[in-house]
Amino acid sequence: MKAPPQEFTEIDRAGIIPLCHELAGRNAQWHIHALHPGCRFNPNPSDYCFVIEDTGAKRAWRCFSSDAFTDECHELVQLLHGATILDDAALDPDFVPPRILLLVRDCVAKDEKWHHHIMKPGCVFSPDPENHVVTLERETSPEMEIYSSGQPPNDLQREVELLYFRQHR
């Protein structure tokens, strides 16, 4: 993977939640990433890496840890997308799942290690920075599965996040 086009400011773990609340409070164009050990985007493959991006200001912060950032992600995904992002009742019964979601479901059914990335337009990691992107990395495949759309992938993201947190909480 080529290096992201901007520098990262190092931040400590205690600063993650306050920074995200500050960005949300000023309506910044922000989003987060939790990079697992071995993730193709993680510059330190032996640790977890938490990334906060403000795409509007072209700024990014990161924090490394030997421990996963599951609790921070659980709180911040709701701050970023609203509480219904993790609400089963908000799933659209008419939603037609794209191939990437079928692959995620298969990973869950097989208890395969997997993780995902939700990338907004302008994301430093995005393979398609003009669009909304969802990626899937899984332990049994060297390939990264990619879903790209001009529209926010709300239903896809909701189901992927629900599956992820069921496995990791």
N, C-alpha and C. Protein backbone atom coordinates (compact mmCIF):
# COMPACT_ATOMS: atom_id res chain seq x y z
N MET A 1 0.84 -1.18 0.00
CA MET A 1 0.00 0.00 0.00
C MET A 1 0.87 1.24 0.00
N LYS A 2 0.53 2.22 -0.80
CA LYS A 2 1.29 3.45 -0.80
C LYS A 2 0.96 4.28 0.43
N ALA A 3 1.87 5.14 0.81
CA ALA A 3 1.68 5.97 2.00
C ALA A 3 0.53 6.95 1.81
N PRO A 4 -0.25 7.20 2.88
CA PRO A 4 -1.31 8.20 2.78
C PRO A 4 -0.74 9.58 2.43
N PRO A 5 -1.52 10.44 1.78
CA PRO A 5 -1.01 11.71 1.28
C PRO A 5 -0.89 12.81 2.34
N GLN A 6 -0.97 12.47 3.59
CA GLN A 6 -0.83 13.50 4.62
C GLN A 6 -0.16 12.91 5.84
N GLU A 7 0.33 13.77 6.69
CA GLU A 7 0.98 13.35 7.93
C GLU A 7 -0.07 13.08 9.00
N PHE A 8 0.29 12.26 9.96
CA PHE A 8 -0.57 11.97 11.09
C PHE A 8 0.02 12.61 12.34
N THR A 9 -0.85 13.19 13.16
CA THR A 9 -0.46 13.69 14.47
C THR A 9 -0.70 12.57 15.46
N GLU A 10 0.31 12.26 16.27
CA GLU A 10 0.16 11.21 17.28
C GLU A 10 -0.72 11.75 18.41
N ILE A 11 -1.59 10.90 18.92
CA ILE A 11 -2.50 11.26 20.00
C ILE A 11 -2.51 10.11 21.00
N ASP A 12 -2.70 10.41 22.29
CA ASP A 12 -2.78 9.30 23.24
C ASP A 12 -4.22 8.81 23.32
N ARG A 13 -4.38 7.62 23.85
CA ARG A 13 -5.69 6.98 23.88
C ARG A 13 -6.73 7.82 24.61
N ALA A 14 -6.34 8.48 25.68
CA ALA A 14 -7.28 9.31 26.45
C ALA A 14 -7.78 10.51 25.64
N GLY A 15 -7.08 10.89 24.59
CA GLY A 15 -7.48 12.04 23.79
C GLY A 15 -8.43 11.72 22.65
N ILE A 16 -8.66 10.44 22.39
CA ILE A 16 -9.48 10.04 21.24
C ILE A 16 -10.92 10.53 21.37
N ILE A 17 -11.59 10.17 22.45
CA ILE A 17 -13.01 10.52 22.63
C ILE A 17 -13.20 12.04 22.66
N PRO A 18 -12.43 12.79 23.46
CA PRO A 18 -12.62 14.25 23.46
C PRO A 18 -12.40 14.89 22.09
N LEU A 19 -11.40 14.44 21.34
CA LEU A 19 -11.16 15.01 20.02
C LEU A 19 -12.35 14.75 19.10
N CYS A 20 -12.89 13.55 19.12
CA CYS A 20 -14.03 13.25 18.26
C CYS A 20 -15.26 14.06 18.65
N HIS A 21 -15.47 14.26 19.95
CA HIS A 21 -16.59 15.11 20.39
C HIS A 21 -16.38 16.56 19.95
N GLU A 22 -15.14 17.01 20.00
CA GLU A 22 -14.84 18.37 19.52
C GLU A 22 -15.14 18.49 18.03
N LEU A 23 -14.69 17.52 17.24
CA LEU A 23 -14.94 17.55 15.79
C LEU A 23 -16.43 17.50 15.50
N ALA A 24 -17.16 16.64 16.20
CA ALA A 24 -18.61 16.54 16.01
C ALA A 24 -19.29 17.86 16.40
N GLY A 25 -18.82 18.47 17.49
CA GLY A 25 -19.41 19.71 17.98
C GLY A 25 -19.27 20.87 17.02
N ARG A 26 -18.24 20.83 16.20
CA ARG A 26 -18.08 21.91 15.22
C ARG A 26 -18.44 21.47 13.80
N ASN A 27 -19.17 20.34 13.72
CA ASN A 27 -19.66 19.83 12.43
C ASN A 27 -18.55 19.61 11.40
N ALA A 28 -17.40 19.16 11.87
CA ALA A 28 -16.29 18.85 10.97
C ALA A 28 -16.65 17.62 10.12
N GLN A 29 -15.96 17.47 9.01
CA GLN A 29 -16.13 16.29 8.15
C GLN A 29 -15.15 15.22 8.65
N TRP A 30 -15.57 14.49 9.68
CA TRP A 30 -14.65 13.56 10.33
C TRP A 30 -15.17 12.13 10.25
N HIS A 31 -14.26 11.21 10.42
CA HIS A 31 -14.59 9.80 10.57
C HIS A 31 -13.41 9.09 11.22
N ILE A 32 -13.62 7.82 11.55
CA ILE A 32 -12.62 7.06 12.30
C ILE A 32 -12.29 5.74 11.61
N HIS A 33 -11.14 5.20 11.99
CA HIS A 33 -10.73 3.86 11.55
C HIS A 33 -10.11 3.15 12.74
N ALA A 34 -10.40 1.87 12.88
CA ALA A 34 -9.71 1.01 13.83
C ALA A 34 -8.95 -0.02 12.99
N LEU A 35 -7.66 0.11 12.96
CA LEU A 35 -6.83 -0.76 12.13
C LEU A 35 -6.30 -1.91 12.98
N HIS A 36 -6.62 -3.10 12.58
CA HIS A 36 -6.20 -4.29 13.31
C HIS A 36 -4.74 -4.62 13.02
N PRO A 37 -4.09 -5.39 13.90
CA PRO A 37 -2.75 -5.89 13.57
C PRO A 37 -2.81 -6.67 12.25
N GLY A 38 -1.88 -6.40 11.38
CA GLY A 38 -1.87 -7.07 10.09
C GLY A 38 -2.72 -6.41 9.03
N CYS A 39 -3.53 -5.42 9.38
CA CYS A 39 -4.35 -4.69 8.41
C CYS A 39 -3.43 -4.02 7.39
N ARG A 40 -3.83 -4.07 6.14
CA ARG A 40 -3.00 -3.49 5.08
C ARG A 40 -2.78 -1.98 5.23
N PHE A 41 -3.61 -1.30 5.99
CA PHE A 41 -3.46 0.15 6.18
C PHE A 41 -2.66 0.49 7.43
N ASN A 42 -2.37 -0.50 8.25
CA ASN A 42 -1.71 -0.26 9.54
C ASN A 42 -0.19 -0.21 9.35
N PRO A 43 0.43 0.94 9.65
CA PRO A 43 1.88 1.05 9.47
C PRO A 43 2.68 0.28 10.53
N ASN A 44 2.02 -0.17 11.59
CA ASN A 44 2.68 -0.95 12.64
C ASN A 44 1.89 -2.25 12.80
N PRO A 45 2.20 -3.27 12.00
CA PRO A 45 1.35 -4.46 11.93
C PRO A 45 1.28 -5.30 13.20
N SER A 46 2.08 -4.99 14.21
CA SER A 46 2.00 -5.77 15.44
C SER A 46 1.04 -5.15 16.46
N ASP A 47 0.58 -3.93 16.23
CA ASP A 47 -0.32 -3.24 17.14
C ASP A 47 -1.63 -2.87 16.46
N TYR A 48 -2.59 -2.46 17.28
CA TYR A 48 -3.82 -1.83 16.78
C TYR A 48 -3.50 -0.35 16.56
N CYS A 49 -4.18 0.25 15.61
CA CYS A 49 -3.99 1.67 15.34
C CYS A 49 -5.37 2.31 15.18
N PHE A 50 -5.61 3.38 15.92
CA PHE A 50 -6.87 4.11 15.82
C PHE A 50 -6.58 5.41 15.07
N VAL A 51 -7.36 5.68 14.03
CA VAL A 51 -7.17 6.87 13.20
C VAL A 51 -8.42 7.72 13.24
N ILE A 52 -8.24 9.01 13.38
CA ILE A 52 -9.31 10.00 13.28
C ILE A 52 -8.95 10.90 12.11
N GLU A 53 -9.89 11.08 11.21
CA GLU A 53 -9.66 11.96 10.07
C GLU A 53 -10.66 13.11 10.06
N ASP A 54 -10.16 14.30 9.80
CA ASP A 54 -11.00 15.46 9.48
C ASP A 54 -10.69 15.76 8.02
N THR A 55 -11.49 15.19 7.12
CA THR A 55 -11.19 15.32 5.69
C THR A 55 -11.34 16.75 5.20
N GLY A 56 -12.23 17.51 5.82
CA GLY A 56 -12.40 18.90 5.42
C GLY A 56 -11.16 19.74 5.69
N ALA A 57 -10.52 19.50 6.82
CA ALA A 57 -9.31 20.23 7.20
C ALA A 57 -8.04 19.52 6.75
N LYS A 58 -8.19 18.33 6.14
CA LYS A 58 -7.06 17.53 5.71
C LYS A 58 -6.09 17.28 6.86
N ARG A 59 -6.68 16.85 8.00
CA ARG A 59 -5.89 16.51 9.18
C ARG A 59 -6.23 15.10 9.61
N ALA A 60 -5.25 14.44 10.21
CA ALA A 60 -5.47 13.09 10.71
C ALA A 60 -4.63 12.86 11.95
N TRP A 61 -5.19 12.08 12.87
CA TRP A 61 -4.52 11.73 14.13
C TRP A 61 -4.50 10.22 14.23
N ARG A 62 -3.51 9.70 14.99
CA ARG A 62 -3.49 8.26 15.20
C ARG A 62 -2.92 7.93 16.57
N CYS A 63 -3.33 6.75 17.04
CA CYS A 63 -2.89 6.23 18.33
C CYS A 63 -2.63 4.73 18.16
N PHE A 64 -1.50 4.25 18.65
CA PHE A 64 -1.18 2.83 18.60
C PHE A 64 -1.38 2.22 19.98
N SER A 65 -1.78 0.94 20.00
CA SER A 65 -1.98 0.24 21.26
C SER A 65 -1.87 -1.27 21.03
N SER A 66 -1.47 -1.99 22.06
CA SER A 66 -1.49 -3.45 21.99
C SER A 66 -2.91 -3.98 22.23
N ASP A 67 -3.81 -3.12 22.69
CA ASP A 67 -5.20 -3.49 22.95
C ASP A 67 -6.12 -2.91 21.88
N ALA A 68 -7.17 -3.65 21.56
CA ALA A 68 -8.14 -3.20 20.57
C ALA A 68 -8.88 -1.94 21.04
N PHE A 69 -9.42 -1.21 20.12
CA PHE A 69 -10.15 0.03 20.40
C PHE A 69 -11.66 -0.19 20.30
N THR A 70 -12.13 -1.36 20.69
CA THR A 70 -13.53 -1.72 20.52
C THR A 70 -14.48 -0.78 21.25
N ASP A 71 -14.17 -0.44 22.50
CA ASP A 71 -15.06 0.44 23.26
C ASP A 71 -15.14 1.83 22.64
N GLU A 72 -13.99 2.35 22.22
CA GLU A 72 -13.99 3.67 21.57
C GLU A 72 -14.80 3.63 20.29
N CYS A 73 -14.61 2.56 19.51
CA CYS A 73 -15.36 2.44 18.25
C CYS A 73 -16.86 2.36 18.49
N HIS A 74 -17.25 1.59 19.49
CA HIS A 74 -18.68 1.43 19.79
C HIS A 74 -19.32 2.78 20.11
N GLU A 75 -18.65 3.58 20.91
CA GLU A 75 -19.18 4.90 21.25
C GLU A 75 -19.14 5.85 20.05
N LEU A 76 -18.02 5.86 19.35
CA LEU A 76 -17.83 6.87 18.31
C LEU A 76 -18.58 6.59 17.03
N VAL A 77 -18.84 5.33 16.71
CA VAL A 77 -19.63 5.05 15.52
C VAL A 77 -21.04 5.59 15.71
N GLN A 78 -21.53 5.58 16.96
CA GLN A 78 -22.85 6.15 17.24
C GLN A 78 -22.82 7.68 17.24
N LEU A 79 -21.74 8.27 17.73
CA LEU A 79 -21.60 9.72 17.66
C LEU A 79 -21.56 10.18 16.20
N LEU A 80 -20.86 9.42 15.40
CA LEU A 80 -20.68 9.78 14.00
C LEU A 80 -21.93 9.56 13.15
N HIS A 81 -22.64 8.45 13.40
CA HIS A 81 -23.75 8.06 12.53
C HIS A 81 -25.12 8.03 13.21
N GLY A 82 -25.16 8.30 14.51
CA GLY A 82 -26.41 8.24 15.25
C GLY A 82 -26.61 6.88 15.89
N ALA A 83 -27.40 6.84 16.94
CA ALA A 83 -27.59 5.60 17.71
C ALA A 83 -28.23 4.48 16.89
N THR A 84 -28.99 4.82 15.86
CA THR A 84 -29.65 3.77 15.08
C THR A 84 -28.66 2.95 14.24
N ILE A 85 -27.42 3.39 14.13
CA ILE A 85 -26.44 2.62 13.36
C ILE A 85 -26.25 1.23 13.98
N LEU A 86 -26.48 1.11 15.29
CA LEU A 86 -26.34 -0.19 15.96
C LEU A 86 -27.67 -0.74 16.45
N ASP A 87 -28.75 -0.36 15.76
CA ASP A 87 -30.09 -0.78 16.14
C ASP A 87 -30.63 -1.78 15.12
N ASP A 88 -30.81 -3.02 15.55
CA ASP A 88 -31.37 -4.06 14.67
C ASP A 88 -32.71 -3.64 14.07
N ALA A 89 -33.51 -2.93 14.85
CA ALA A 89 -34.84 -2.54 14.40
C ALA A 89 -34.78 -1.53 13.24
N ALA A 90 -33.64 -0.88 13.06
CA ALA A 90 -33.51 0.10 11.98
C ALA A 90 -33.12 -0.53 10.65
N LEU A 91 -32.86 -1.84 10.63
CA LEU A 91 -32.52 -2.50 9.38
C LEU A 91 -33.72 -2.47 8.43
N ASP A 92 -33.47 -2.11 7.19
CA ASP A 92 -34.52 -2.05 6.18
C ASP A 92 -34.81 -3.47 5.68
N PRO A 93 -36.03 -3.97 5.87
CA PRO A 93 -36.33 -5.34 5.44
C PRO A 93 -36.26 -5.52 3.92
N ASP A 94 -36.31 -4.43 3.17
CA ASP A 94 -36.25 -4.51 1.71
C ASP A 94 -34.85 -4.31 1.15
N PHE A 95 -33.88 -4.12 2.03
CA PHE A 95 -32.49 -3.92 1.61
C PHE A 95 -31.97 -5.18 0.91
N VAL A 96 -31.43 -4.98 -0.27
CA VAL A 96 -30.83 -6.08 -1.03
C VAL A 96 -29.33 -6.05 -0.77
N PRO A 97 -28.81 -7.07 -0.09
CA PRO A 97 -27.41 -7.03 0.29
C PRO A 97 -26.45 -7.17 -0.90
N PRO A 98 -25.46 -6.31 -0.98
CA PRO A 98 -24.46 -6.47 -2.03
C PRO A 98 -23.51 -7.64 -1.68
N ARG A 99 -22.73 -8.03 -2.63
CA ARG A 99 -21.82 -9.18 -2.48
C ARG A 99 -20.94 -9.05 -1.24
N ILE A 100 -20.45 -7.87 -0.95
CA ILE A 100 -19.55 -7.71 0.19
C ILE A 100 -20.24 -8.09 1.51
N LEU A 101 -21.52 -7.79 1.64
CA LEU A 101 -22.24 -8.16 2.86
C LEU A 101 -22.42 -9.68 2.95
N LEU A 102 -22.65 -10.31 1.82
CA LEU A 102 -22.76 -11.77 1.82
C LEU A 102 -21.44 -12.40 2.26
N LEU A 103 -20.33 -11.80 1.86
CA LEU A 103 -19.02 -12.30 2.29
C LEU A 103 -18.81 -12.09 3.79
N VAL A 104 -19.24 -10.94 4.32
CA VAL A 104 -19.14 -10.69 5.75
C VAL A 104 -19.96 -11.72 6.52
N ARG A 105 -21.20 -11.95 6.07
CA ARG A 105 -22.04 -12.95 6.73
C ARG A 105 -21.39 -14.33 6.71
N ASP A 106 -20.74 -14.65 5.60
CA ASP A 106 -20.05 -15.93 5.49
C ASP A 106 -18.88 -16.01 6.48
N CYS A 107 -18.15 -14.94 6.64
CA CYS A 107 -17.06 -14.89 7.62
C CYS A 107 -17.61 -15.16 9.02
N VAL A 108 -18.72 -14.52 9.34
CA VAL A 108 -19.33 -14.69 10.67
C VAL A 108 -19.77 -16.15 10.85
N ALA A 109 -20.42 -16.69 9.85
CA ALA A 109 -20.91 -18.08 9.94
C ALA A 109 -19.77 -19.07 10.12
N LYS A 110 -18.63 -18.78 9.51
CA LYS A 110 -17.48 -19.69 9.60
C LYS A 110 -16.54 -19.33 10.74
N ASP A 111 -16.88 -18.30 11.52
CA ASP A 111 -16.03 -17.82 12.61
C ASP A 111 -14.63 -17.44 12.11
N GLU A 112 -14.60 -16.87 10.92
CA GLU A 112 -13.35 -16.43 10.30
C GLU A 112 -12.99 -15.03 10.79
N LYS A 113 -11.72 -14.77 11.02
CA LYS A 113 -11.30 -13.42 11.41
C LYS A 113 -11.47 -12.49 10.22
N TRP A 114 -12.08 -11.34 10.49
CA TRP A 114 -12.32 -10.34 9.45
C TRP A 114 -12.41 -8.97 10.11
N HIS A 115 -12.23 -7.95 9.32
CA HIS A 115 -12.54 -6.58 9.75
C HIS A 115 -12.88 -5.78 8.50
N HIS A 116 -13.43 -4.63 8.74
CA HIS A 116 -13.93 -3.80 7.65
C HIS A 116 -13.47 -2.36 7.82
N HIS A 117 -13.64 -1.60 6.77
CA HIS A 117 -13.40 -0.16 6.81
C HIS A 117 -14.56 0.53 6.11
N ILE A 118 -15.06 1.58 6.72
CA ILE A 118 -16.07 2.43 6.10
C ILE A 118 -15.33 3.73 5.76
N MET A 119 -15.27 4.06 4.49
CA MET A 119 -14.49 5.21 4.04
C MET A 119 -15.39 6.25 3.39
N LYS A 120 -15.32 7.43 3.93
CA LYS A 120 -16.07 8.54 3.34
C LYS A 120 -15.26 9.14 2.19
N PRO A 121 -15.92 9.91 1.31
CA PRO A 121 -15.17 10.58 0.26
C PRO A 121 -14.02 11.40 0.87
N GLY A 122 -12.87 11.32 0.24
CA GLY A 122 -11.71 12.05 0.71
C GLY A 122 -10.86 11.31 1.71
N CYS A 123 -11.27 10.13 2.12
CA CYS A 123 -10.53 9.34 3.11
C CYS A 123 -9.12 9.04 2.61
N VAL A 124 -8.13 9.17 3.52
CA VAL A 124 -6.73 8.95 3.12
C VAL A 124 -6.45 7.51 2.70
N PHE A 125 -7.25 6.57 3.15
CA PHE A 125 -7.02 5.16 2.83
C PHE A 125 -7.84 4.66 1.63
N SER A 126 -8.76 5.45 1.15
CA SER A 126 -9.74 4.98 0.18
C SER A 126 -9.13 4.63 -1.18
N PRO A 127 -9.52 3.46 -1.72
CA PRO A 127 -9.11 3.12 -3.07
C PRO A 127 -9.95 3.86 -4.13
N ASP A 128 -11.01 4.54 -3.68
CA ASP A 128 -11.90 5.30 -4.56
C ASP A 128 -12.33 6.56 -3.81
N PRO A 129 -11.42 7.55 -3.66
CA PRO A 129 -11.68 8.68 -2.77
C PRO A 129 -12.81 9.62 -3.18
N GLU A 130 -13.36 9.44 -4.36
CA GLU A 130 -14.49 10.27 -4.78
C GLU A 130 -15.82 9.74 -4.25
N ASN A 131 -15.82 8.49 -3.75
CA ASN A 131 -17.06 7.83 -3.37
C ASN A 131 -17.02 7.32 -1.94
N HIS A 132 -18.16 6.83 -1.47
CA HIS A 132 -18.26 6.12 -0.21
C HIS A 132 -17.80 4.69 -0.48
N VAL A 133 -16.95 4.17 0.38
CA VAL A 133 -16.37 2.85 0.16
C VAL A 133 -16.49 2.01 1.43
N VAL A 134 -16.81 0.74 1.25
CA VAL A 134 -16.77 -0.24 2.32
C VAL A 134 -15.79 -1.31 1.87
N THR A 135 -14.84 -1.65 2.73
CA THR A 135 -13.90 -2.72 2.39
C THR A 135 -13.98 -3.83 3.42
N LEU A 136 -13.57 -5.01 2.99
CA LEU A 136 -13.54 -6.18 3.84
C LEU A 136 -12.16 -6.84 3.69
N GLU A 137 -11.52 -7.07 4.83
CA GLU A 137 -10.29 -7.86 4.86
C GLU A 137 -10.58 -9.08 5.71
N ARG A 138 -10.17 -10.26 5.22
CA ARG A 138 -10.42 -11.50 5.94
C ARG A 138 -9.17 -12.36 5.93
N GLU A 139 -9.07 -13.18 6.94
CA GLU A 139 -7.85 -13.94 7.14
C GLU A 139 -7.61 -14.99 6.05
N THR A 140 -8.65 -15.45 5.37
CA THR A 140 -8.47 -16.50 4.37
C THR A 140 -8.25 -15.99 2.96
N SER A 141 -8.16 -14.68 2.79
CA SER A 141 -7.97 -14.13 1.44
C SER A 141 -6.98 -12.97 1.45
N PRO A 142 -6.04 -12.97 0.53
CA PRO A 142 -5.12 -11.83 0.44
C PRO A 142 -5.77 -10.62 -0.24
N GLU A 143 -6.93 -10.85 -0.85
CA GLU A 143 -7.62 -9.77 -1.55
C GLU A 143 -8.47 -8.94 -0.61
N MET A 144 -8.58 -7.67 -0.89
CA MET A 144 -9.48 -6.79 -0.16
C MET A 144 -10.73 -6.63 -1.02
N GLU A 145 -11.87 -6.98 -0.45
CA GLU A 145 -13.14 -6.80 -1.15
C GLU A 145 -13.54 -5.33 -1.02
N ILE A 146 -14.09 -4.76 -2.10
CA ILE A 146 -14.41 -3.34 -2.12
C ILE A 146 -15.83 -3.12 -2.64
N TYR A 147 -16.58 -2.30 -1.93
CA TYR A 147 -17.89 -1.83 -2.38
C TYR A 147 -17.79 -0.32 -2.46
N SER A 148 -18.19 0.26 -3.58
CA SER A 148 -18.08 1.69 -3.78
C SER A 148 -19.41 2.24 -4.29
N SER A 149 -19.80 3.42 -3.76
CA SER A 149 -21.07 4.02 -4.17
C SER A 149 -20.99 5.54 -4.03
N GLY A 150 -21.74 6.22 -4.86
CA GLY A 150 -21.85 7.67 -4.76
C GLY A 150 -22.73 8.10 -3.59
N GLN A 151 -23.49 7.15 -3.03
CA GLN A 151 -24.39 7.43 -1.92
C GLN A 151 -23.87 6.78 -0.64
N PRO A 152 -24.13 7.37 0.52
CA PRO A 152 -23.73 6.71 1.77
C PRO A 152 -24.34 5.31 1.87
N PRO A 153 -23.55 4.32 2.25
CA PRO A 153 -24.04 2.94 2.31
C PRO A 153 -24.72 2.61 3.64
N ASN A 154 -25.76 3.36 3.99
CA ASN A 154 -26.35 3.29 5.32
C ASN A 154 -26.77 1.88 5.74
N ASP A 155 -27.56 1.19 4.92
CA ASP A 155 -28.03 -0.14 5.30
C ASP A 155 -26.89 -1.14 5.34
N LEU A 156 -26.01 -1.07 4.37
CA LEU A 156 -24.83 -1.94 4.37
C LEU A 156 -23.98 -1.68 5.61
N GLN A 157 -23.70 -0.43 5.88
CA GLN A 157 -22.88 -0.10 7.05
C GLN A 157 -23.54 -0.57 8.34
N ARG A 158 -24.84 -0.35 8.47
CA ARG A 158 -25.55 -0.76 9.70
C ARG A 158 -25.37 -2.25 9.94
N GLU A 159 -25.62 -3.06 8.92
CA GLU A 159 -25.52 -4.50 9.12
C GLU A 159 -24.07 -4.94 9.38
N VAL A 160 -23.12 -4.37 8.67
CA VAL A 160 -21.72 -4.73 8.89
C VAL A 160 -21.29 -4.34 10.31
N GLU A 161 -21.67 -3.15 10.76
CA GLU A 161 -21.31 -2.72 12.12
C GLU A 161 -21.95 -3.63 13.16
N LEU A 162 -23.21 -3.99 12.97
CA LEU A 162 -23.88 -4.89 13.92
C LEU A 162 -23.17 -6.24 13.99
N LEU A 163 -22.82 -6.79 12.85
CA LEU A 163 -22.11 -8.08 12.82
C LEU A 163 -20.74 -7.96 13.49
N TYR A 164 -20.05 -6.87 13.21
CA TYR A 164 -18.72 -6.66 13.79
C TYR A 164 -18.78 -6.59 15.32
N PHE A 165 -19.67 -5.76 15.83
CA PHE A 165 -19.74 -5.59 17.29
C PHE A 165 -20.28 -6.83 18.00
N ARG A 166 -21.12 -7.60 17.35
CA ARG A 166 -21.56 -8.87 17.95
C ARG A 166 -20.37 -9.80 18.14
N GLN A 167 -19.43 -9.78 17.21
CA GLN A 167 -18.26 -10.65 17.31
C GLN A 167 -17.18 -10.10 18.24
N HIS A 168 -17.13 -8.80 18.43
CA HIS A 168 -16.00 -8.18 19.13
C HIS A 168 -16.34 -7.52 20.46
N ARG A 169 -17.53 -7.73 20.97
CA ARG A 169 -17.87 -7.12 22.28
C ARG A 169 -18.12 -8.17 23.31
